[in-house]
Amino acid sequence: MKLGFFTMPMHPRGKDWKQSLAEDREAFILADELGFTEGYCGEHATDPEENITSSAMFIASLAHATRTIRLGTGTTNMPNQHPVAIAGNLAMLDHLLGGRFIFGISPGALPSDAEAFGNMDQDRPAMFLEAINQVLALWTGDAPYRLKGQFWNITTERTHIPETGMGSVPKPLQRPHPPIVVTAVAPHSKGVAEAAARGWDPISANFLMPVWVRTHWAKYVEGCARAGRTADPANWRIAKTLCVAADDATARRYATDPSGPYYYYYRSLMGKLRRRGAPLTLFKNDPNQPDSEVTVESAIENLVIHGSPARVADRLLAFREVVGDFGTLLYGGMDWQDRTLGRNSIVLTAEKVMPLVNAALRA
């Protein structure tokens, strides 16, 4: 099993933005030094807690600070940008990274972003599909372009100069395009099947109960079958929230502290869903359980794996027994409220937990 990194991220309101961005960068640089194979960050334009407004810009800041880790948008919220801007900027990013870029895509989930960008009342799934189709057409086609859609029309017919190339959108280093991944949140996600049918691979979110994570594999198999692909568990990535410390007591105290970063993360996430009137099915084993019975404490108990390296390794193996085989575990990044504990959790995962997990899998 490989080890990667995924962060939304989530920082306390009022925390100095410069500091939180510096800590986010340090986490990715540390992951690279520890041999993490890939890392992703989310983007939200209108949420001070989730402070990376452009995942592409953030990743670009890591191009020359990292060596081997593949870096991905987690995700590029397609309806919120023009397809030409996405295609050009991410092609450049792939070159800056020397071909280490992974293209994570989604319609975007933050309502305030949708309102601010003026597409809250639009058919966002349709915008998402049109945008990715046009980006791929730009990357695989040649100028002058003649792309007509419901939301965007793209052409350079009037201005294209073949001799100089003017009117051409640049292509990424990886041909025909970088690997594409989609983040899956909904149980029995239809998006996973559609993505698999197009040759893309899934990331299962870290705030999803194991019983629902398991459903993503079935949808992936379904989509691969439609495309004649082999459904390989190595292509499935699952994010998990981990808190690893030298001993069980320290890890439990940090993971469950009501004033700590793990509690803040799940309280904020759950609170946003409640205010939007969204069901809390993600946090339940039984969808018929009343939302009123779902608490931050129960979410942490069910979704955060905490403890010493040995205990965390055992619980990860037990988690794998529930969801099935998968290729990459994505460590869910948290705010470094306690710098030493936050940093050491990442180090211990790479140096202690994963060797135990992989030794057990080999056996």
Protein backbone atom coordinates (compact mmCIF):
# COMPACT_ATOMS: atom_id res chain seq x y z
CA MET A 1 0.00 0.00 0.00
CA LYS A 2 1.31 3.43 -0.96
CA LEU A 3 1.07 6.54 1.19
CA GLY A 4 -0.15 9.92 0.01
CA PHE A 5 -1.44 13.19 1.49
CA PHE A 6 -4.74 15.05 1.13
CA THR A 7 -5.76 18.27 2.82
CA MET A 8 -8.81 20.48 2.36
CA PRO A 9 -7.38 22.20 4.56
CA MET A 10 -9.29 23.44 7.63
CA HIS A 11 -7.80 26.13 9.85
CA PRO A 12 -9.36 28.01 12.79
CA ARG A 13 -11.02 31.28 11.91
CA GLY A 14 -8.76 34.17 12.76
CA LYS A 15 -5.51 32.24 12.38
CA ASP A 16 -2.87 34.25 10.55
CA TRP A 17 -3.21 33.37 6.86
CA LYS A 18 0.52 33.65 6.21
CA GLN A 19 1.22 31.18 9.01
CA SER A 20 -1.40 28.64 7.92
CA LEU A 21 -0.20 28.74 4.31
CA ALA A 22 3.39 28.27 5.47
CA GLU A 23 2.36 25.27 7.58
CA ASP A 24 0.39 23.78 4.67
CA ARG A 25 3.45 24.09 2.44
CA GLU A 26 5.67 22.59 5.12
CA ALA A 27 3.38 19.58 5.41
CA PHE A 28 3.73 18.85 1.67
CA ILE A 29 7.49 19.36 1.73
CA LEU A 30 7.73 17.02 4.73
CA ALA A 31 5.59 14.44 2.92
CA ASP A 32 7.95 14.60 -0.05
CA GLU A 33 10.98 14.10 2.21
CA LEU A 34 9.28 11.09 3.82
CA GLY A 35 8.57 9.41 0.50
CA PHE A 36 4.84 10.07 0.15
CA THR A 37 3.95 9.22 -3.44
CA GLU A 38 1.35 11.96 -4.03
CA GLY A 39 -0.35 14.93 -2.37
CA TYR A 40 -3.55 16.88 -3.01
CA CYS A 41 -5.05 20.11 -1.71
CA GLY A 42 -8.54 21.52 -2.05
CA GLU A 43 -9.56 25.02 -3.11
CA HIS A 44 -12.28 27.33 -1.87
CA ALA A 45 -12.49 30.98 -2.89
CA THR A 46 -14.90 32.18 -0.19
CA ASP A 47 -14.17 30.18 2.99
CA PRO A 48 -11.52 31.60 5.36
CA GLU A 49 -11.30 28.25 7.20
CA GLU A 50 -10.40 26.38 4.01
CA ASN A 51 -7.75 28.89 3.11
CA ILE A 52 -6.29 27.73 -0.22
CA THR A 53 -8.14 29.74 -2.84
CA SER A 54 -6.37 28.11 -5.79
CA SER A 55 -4.99 24.60 -5.53
CA ALA A 56 -3.04 25.12 -8.76
CA MET A 57 -1.33 28.24 -7.45
CA PHE A 58 -0.52 26.51 -4.16
CA ILE A 59 0.94 23.50 -5.97
CA ALA A 60 3.01 25.78 -8.20
CA SER A 61 4.63 27.16 -5.04
CA LEU A 62 5.86 23.62 -4.32
CA ALA A 63 7.29 22.89 -7.77
CA HIS A 64 10.90 23.55 -6.80
CA ALA A 65 10.53 22.78 -3.09
CA THR A 66 9.67 19.11 -3.71
CA ARG A 67 11.49 16.40 -5.66
CA THR A 68 9.48 13.25 -6.28
CA ILE A 69 5.97 13.59 -4.84
CA ARG A 70 3.23 13.88 -7.47
CA LEU A 71 0.99 16.86 -6.73
CA GLY A 72 -2.69 17.11 -7.53
CA THR A 73 -5.57 19.54 -7.41
CA GLY A 74 -8.05 18.19 -4.92
CA THR A 75 -9.99 19.50 -6.71
CA THR A 76 -10.15 22.01 -9.53
CA ASN A 77 -13.76 23.24 -9.26
CA MET A 78 -14.51 23.26 -12.97
CA PRO A 79 -17.64 25.50 -13.21
CA ASN A 80 -15.84 28.34 -11.43
CA GLN A 81 -13.24 28.94 -14.15
CA HIS A 82 -13.17 29.31 -17.91
CA PRO A 83 -12.01 26.09 -19.63
CA VAL A 84 -9.31 28.00 -21.55
CA ALA A 85 -7.86 29.31 -18.28
CA ILE A 86 -7.94 25.81 -16.75
CA ALA A 87 -6.30 24.22 -19.78
CA GLY A 88 -3.54 26.80 -20.11
CA ASN A 89 -2.73 27.19 -16.43
CA LEU A 90 -2.66 23.47 -15.68
CA ALA A 91 -0.62 22.68 -18.78
CA MET A 92 1.96 25.16 -17.51
CA LEU A 93 1.76 23.63 -14.03
CA ASP A 94 2.45 20.17 -15.44
CA HIS A 95 5.60 21.55 -17.10
CA LEU A 96 6.66 23.34 -13.90
CA LEU A 97 6.35 20.03 -12.05
CA GLY A 98 8.22 18.08 -14.68
CA GLY A 99 5.22 15.85 -15.33
CA ARG A 100 4.37 15.27 -11.66
CA PHE A 101 0.88 16.78 -11.91
CA ILE A 102 -2.38 14.91 -11.21
CA PHE A 103 -5.60 16.59 -12.35
CA GLY A 104 -8.29 16.30 -9.69
CA ILE A 105 -11.69 17.59 -10.85
CA SER A 106 -15.16 18.21 -9.44
CA PRO A 107 -18.20 20.49 -9.82
CA GLY A 108 -17.26 22.13 -6.50
CA ALA A 109 -19.28 21.77 -3.33
CA LEU A 110 -19.13 25.14 -1.57
CA PRO A 111 -22.39 27.10 -2.09
CA SER A 112 -20.81 30.48 -1.39
CA ASP A 113 -18.25 29.87 -4.14
CA ALA A 114 -21.05 29.02 -6.57
CA GLU A 115 -22.94 32.17 -5.62
CA ALA A 116 -19.85 34.37 -5.90
CA PHE A 117 -18.95 32.98 -9.34
CA GLY A 118 -22.53 33.41 -10.51
CA ASN A 119 -23.39 29.77 -11.20
CA MET A 120 -25.33 28.82 -8.07
CA ASP A 121 -28.59 28.49 -10.01
CA GLN A 122 -27.01 26.88 -13.07
CA ASP A 123 -26.86 23.16 -13.83
CA ARG A 124 -23.44 22.73 -12.24
CA PRO A 125 -23.00 19.03 -13.13
CA ALA A 126 -23.65 19.95 -16.76
CA MET A 127 -21.16 22.83 -16.48
CA PHE A 128 -18.61 20.44 -14.98
CA LEU A 129 -19.02 17.94 -17.80
CA GLU A 130 -18.82 20.59 -20.52
CA ALA A 131 -15.76 22.18 -18.92
CA ILE A 132 -13.74 18.96 -18.66
CA ASN A 133 -14.72 17.93 -22.18
CA GLN A 134 -13.54 21.27 -23.52
CA VAL A 135 -10.28 21.18 -21.55
CA LEU A 136 -9.49 17.74 -22.94
CA ALA A 137 -10.45 18.89 -26.44
CA LEU A 138 -8.05 21.82 -26.15
CA TRP A 139 -5.25 19.54 -24.95
CA THR A 140 -5.74 16.92 -27.64
CA GLY A 141 -6.79 19.15 -30.56
CA ASP A 142 -5.08 21.83 -32.59
CA ALA A 143 -5.92 25.44 -33.31
CA PRO A 144 -8.02 27.03 -34.58
CA TYR A 145 -10.62 25.76 -32.13
CA ARG A 146 -14.34 25.44 -32.81
CA LEU A 147 -15.85 24.34 -29.50
CA LYS A 148 -19.50 25.24 -28.99
CA GLY A 149 -21.31 24.48 -25.75
CA GLN A 150 -24.21 25.46 -23.57
CA PHE A 151 -22.03 27.51 -21.20
CA TRP A 152 -18.82 28.32 -23.11
CA ASN A 153 -17.98 28.84 -26.78
CA ILE A 154 -14.29 28.65 -27.60
CA THR A 155 -12.78 29.68 -30.91
CA THR A 156 -9.60 31.25 -32.25
CA GLU A 157 -10.62 31.06 -35.91
CA ARG A 158 -10.42 34.82 -36.47
CA THR A 159 -7.00 35.30 -34.87
CA HIS A 160 -5.07 32.07 -35.38
CA ILE A 161 -1.67 32.52 -37.08
CA PRO A 162 -0.26 29.13 -38.06
CA GLU A 163 3.25 30.49 -38.67
CA THR A 164 3.64 31.77 -35.10
CA GLY A 165 1.19 29.51 -33.28
CA MET A 166 -0.82 32.43 -31.93
CA GLY A 167 -4.29 31.28 -30.99
CA SER A 168 -3.06 27.92 -29.64
CA VAL A 169 -3.64 26.75 -26.07
CA PRO A 170 -0.50 25.10 -24.62
CA LYS A 171 -0.48 21.36 -24.02
CA PRO A 172 0.63 19.61 -20.81
CA LEU A 173 3.91 17.73 -20.55
CA GLN A 174 2.09 14.43 -19.96
CA ARG A 175 0.34 13.34 -23.14
CA PRO A 176 -2.45 13.20 -23.98
CA HIS A 177 -3.12 14.66 -20.53
CA PRO A 178 -2.16 14.23 -16.85
CA PRO A 179 -3.87 11.45 -14.86
CA ILE A 180 -7.39 12.47 -13.85
CA VAL A 181 -8.97 11.68 -10.47
CA VAL A 182 -12.34 12.51 -8.93
CA THR A 183 -13.11 12.82 -5.24
CA ALA A 184 -16.13 10.75 -4.21
CA VAL A 185 -18.24 11.72 -1.21
CA ALA A 186 -21.74 10.36 -1.82
CA PRO A 187 -22.52 6.73 -0.95
CA HIS A 188 -23.00 4.60 -4.08
CA SER A 189 -21.54 7.51 -6.06
CA LYS A 190 -22.69 7.51 -9.68
CA GLY A 191 -19.83 9.86 -10.39
CA VAL A 192 -17.32 7.09 -9.62
CA ALA A 193 -18.87 4.86 -12.28
CA GLU A 194 -18.94 7.66 -14.85
CA ALA A 195 -15.34 8.59 -14.09
CA ALA A 196 -14.15 4.99 -14.34
CA ALA A 197 -15.90 4.62 -17.69
CA ARG A 198 -13.80 7.53 -18.97
CA GLY A 199 -10.51 6.13 -17.66
CA TRP A 200 -10.34 8.25 -14.53
CA ASP A 201 -9.77 7.01 -10.96
CA PRO A 202 -11.47 7.71 -7.61
CA ILE A 203 -10.47 9.22 -4.28
CA SER A 204 -12.83 8.32 -1.43
CA ALA A 205 -13.18 11.17 1.07
CA ASN A 206 -11.93 10.90 4.65
CA PHE A 207 -15.25 11.96 6.22
CA LEU A 208 -17.21 9.00 4.94
CA MET A 209 -18.16 6.00 7.07
CA PRO A 210 -16.40 2.78 6.00
CA VAL A 211 -19.70 1.16 5.02
CA TRP A 212 -20.16 3.91 2.42
CA VAL A 213 -16.53 3.94 1.30
CA ARG A 214 -16.97 0.28 0.40
CA THR A 215 -19.73 1.18 -2.08
CA HIS A 216 -17.29 3.19 -4.20
CA TRP A 217 -15.44 0.06 -5.26
CA ALA A 218 -18.61 -1.50 -6.68
CA LYS A 219 -19.29 1.66 -8.71
CA TYR A 220 -15.69 1.72 -9.91
CA VAL A 221 -15.99 -1.89 -11.09
CA GLU A 222 -19.25 -0.99 -12.85
CA GLY A 223 -17.67 1.91 -14.71
CA CYS A 224 -14.55 -0.02 -15.66
CA ALA A 225 -16.69 -2.84 -17.06
CA ARG A 226 -18.52 -0.37 -19.31
CA ALA A 227 -15.19 0.79 -20.74
CA GLY A 228 -13.57 -2.62 -20.96
CA ARG A 229 -11.04 -1.61 -18.29
CA THR A 230 -9.59 -3.85 -15.60
CA ALA A 231 -10.76 -2.64 -12.19
CA ASP A 232 -7.42 -2.55 -10.38
CA PRO A 233 -7.49 -1.82 -6.62
CA ALA A 234 -4.10 -0.15 -7.06
CA ASN A 235 -5.94 2.76 -8.73
CA TRP A 236 -8.24 3.37 -5.74
CA ARG A 237 -7.18 6.03 -3.26
CA ILE A 238 -8.84 6.39 0.15
CA ALA A 239 -8.31 9.35 2.47
CA LYS A 240 -8.36 8.76 6.23
CA THR A 241 -8.01 11.03 9.23
CA LEU A 242 -5.11 9.76 11.36
CA CYS A 243 -3.62 10.95 14.63
CA VAL A 244 -0.45 9.04 15.46
CA ALA A 245 1.62 9.67 18.58
CA ALA A 246 4.22 7.83 20.62
CA ASP A 247 1.52 6.37 22.86
CA ASP A 248 -2.21 5.75 22.72
CA ALA A 249 -3.10 8.20 25.49
CA THR A 250 -1.39 11.18 23.83
CA ALA A 251 -3.00 10.45 20.48
CA ARG A 252 -6.46 10.02 21.97
CA ARG A 253 -6.16 13.22 23.97
CA TYR A 254 -5.16 15.27 20.92
CA ALA A 255 -7.70 13.65 18.58
CA THR A 256 -10.67 14.07 20.93
CA ASP A 257 -9.84 17.39 22.61
CA PRO A 258 -12.86 19.73 22.09
CA SER A 259 -10.41 22.59 21.61
CA GLY A 260 -8.15 20.62 19.26
CA PRO A 261 -7.85 20.57 15.45
CA TYR A 262 -9.60 17.23 14.87
CA TYR A 263 -12.66 18.29 16.83
CA TYR A 264 -12.62 21.66 15.02
CA TYR A 265 -12.45 19.94 11.63
CA TYR A 266 -15.45 17.69 12.15
CA ARG A 267 -17.48 20.28 14.05
CA SER A 268 -17.00 22.78 11.22
CA LEU A 269 -17.72 20.23 8.51
CA MET A 270 -20.83 18.95 10.24
CA GLY A 271 -22.01 22.46 11.02
CA LYS A 272 -21.77 23.54 7.38
CA LEU A 273 -23.81 20.54 6.27
CA ARG A 274 -26.49 21.21 8.91
CA ARG A 275 -26.79 24.87 7.93
CA ARG A 276 -27.25 23.86 4.29
CA GLY A 277 -29.96 21.41 5.28
CA ALA A 278 -27.91 18.53 3.88
CA PRO A 279 -28.49 15.07 5.40
CA LEU A 280 -25.72 13.71 7.62
CA THR A 281 -25.76 10.26 6.02
CA LEU A 282 -21.98 10.39 5.59
CA PHE A 283 -21.58 10.09 9.35
CA LYS A 284 -24.02 7.20 9.85
CA ASN A 285 -23.89 3.44 9.41
CA ASP A 286 -27.68 3.39 9.13
CA PRO A 287 -29.21 6.08 6.86
CA ASN A 288 -32.43 5.87 8.89
CA GLN A 289 -30.70 7.11 12.03
CA PRO A 290 -31.99 10.60 12.92
CA ASP A 291 -29.58 13.44 12.18
CA SER A 292 -30.11 14.63 15.75
CA GLU A 293 -28.22 11.58 17.01
CA VAL A 294 -25.11 12.39 14.96
CA THR A 295 -22.54 14.23 17.06
CA VAL A 296 -19.00 15.47 16.61
CA GLU A 297 -17.92 12.93 19.21
CA SER A 298 -19.48 10.04 17.30
CA ALA A 299 -17.91 11.24 14.05
CA ILE A 300 -14.47 11.37 15.62
CA GLU A 301 -14.93 7.96 17.22
CA ASN A 302 -15.94 6.41 13.89
CA LEU A 303 -13.76 8.32 11.44
CA VAL A 304 -10.51 9.26 13.20
CA ILE A 305 -7.96 6.50 13.65
CA HIS A 306 -5.75 7.51 16.56
CA GLY A 307 -3.13 5.85 18.73
CA SER A 308 0.42 4.57 18.76
CA PRO A 309 1.88 3.32 15.47
CA ALA A 310 1.01 -0.27 16.34
CA ARG A 311 -2.60 0.57 17.22
CA VAL A 312 -3.10 2.73 14.11
CA ALA A 313 -1.63 0.01 11.89
CA ASP A 314 -4.00 -2.55 13.38
CA ARG A 315 -7.00 -0.28 12.87
CA LEU A 316 -6.00 0.50 9.28
CA LEU A 317 -5.81 -3.22 8.55
CA ALA A 318 -9.25 -3.66 10.13
CA PHE A 319 -10.55 -0.77 8.01
CA ARG A 320 -9.17 -2.48 4.91
CA GLU A 321 -11.04 -5.65 5.85
CA VAL A 322 -14.27 -3.64 5.75
CA VAL A 323 -13.74 -1.62 2.56
CA GLY A 324 -11.59 -4.05 0.58
CA ASP A 325 -8.20 -3.75 -1.08
CA PHE A 326 -7.02 -0.32 -2.23
CA GLY A 327 -3.79 1.08 -3.56
CA THR A 328 -3.03 4.36 -1.77
CA LEU A 329 -3.84 5.60 1.72
CA LEU A 330 -4.12 9.40 1.74
CA TYR A 331 -3.24 10.94 5.10
CA GLY A 332 -5.83 13.62 5.89
CA GLY A 333 -4.05 16.86 6.73
CA MET A 334 -5.06 18.79 9.85
CA ASP A 335 -4.19 22.19 11.30
CA TRP A 336 -0.95 22.13 13.29
CA GLN A 337 -2.39 23.56 16.49
CA ASP A 338 0.35 21.65 18.30
CA ARG A 339 3.21 21.81 15.84
CA THR A 340 5.15 18.94 17.39
CA LEU A 341 2.20 16.54 17.56
CA GLY A 342 0.90 17.54 14.12
CA ARG A 343 4.25 17.10 12.43
CA ASN A 344 5.17 13.92 14.30
CA SER A 345 1.86 12.29 13.32
CA ILE A 346 2.87 12.56 9.66
CA VAL A 347 6.39 11.31 10.37
CA LEU A 348 5.20 8.34 12.44
CA THR A 349 2.68 7.38 9.77
CA ALA A 350 5.43 7.15 7.15
CA GLU A 351 8.21 5.69 9.26
CA LYS A 352 6.30 3.39 11.64
CA VAL A 353 2.69 2.78 10.62
CA MET A 354 3.06 2.01 6.92
CA PRO A 355 5.95 -0.44 7.36
CA LEU A 356 3.77 -2.36 9.85
CA VAL A 357 0.78 -2.29 7.50
CA ASN A 358 2.76 -3.42 4.47
CA ALA A 359 4.57 -6.14 6.41
CA ALA A 360 1.18 -7.50 7.47
CA LEU A 361 -0.13 -7.35 3.89
CA ARG A 362 2.93 -9.16 2.56
CA ALA A 363 2.48 -11.86 5.20
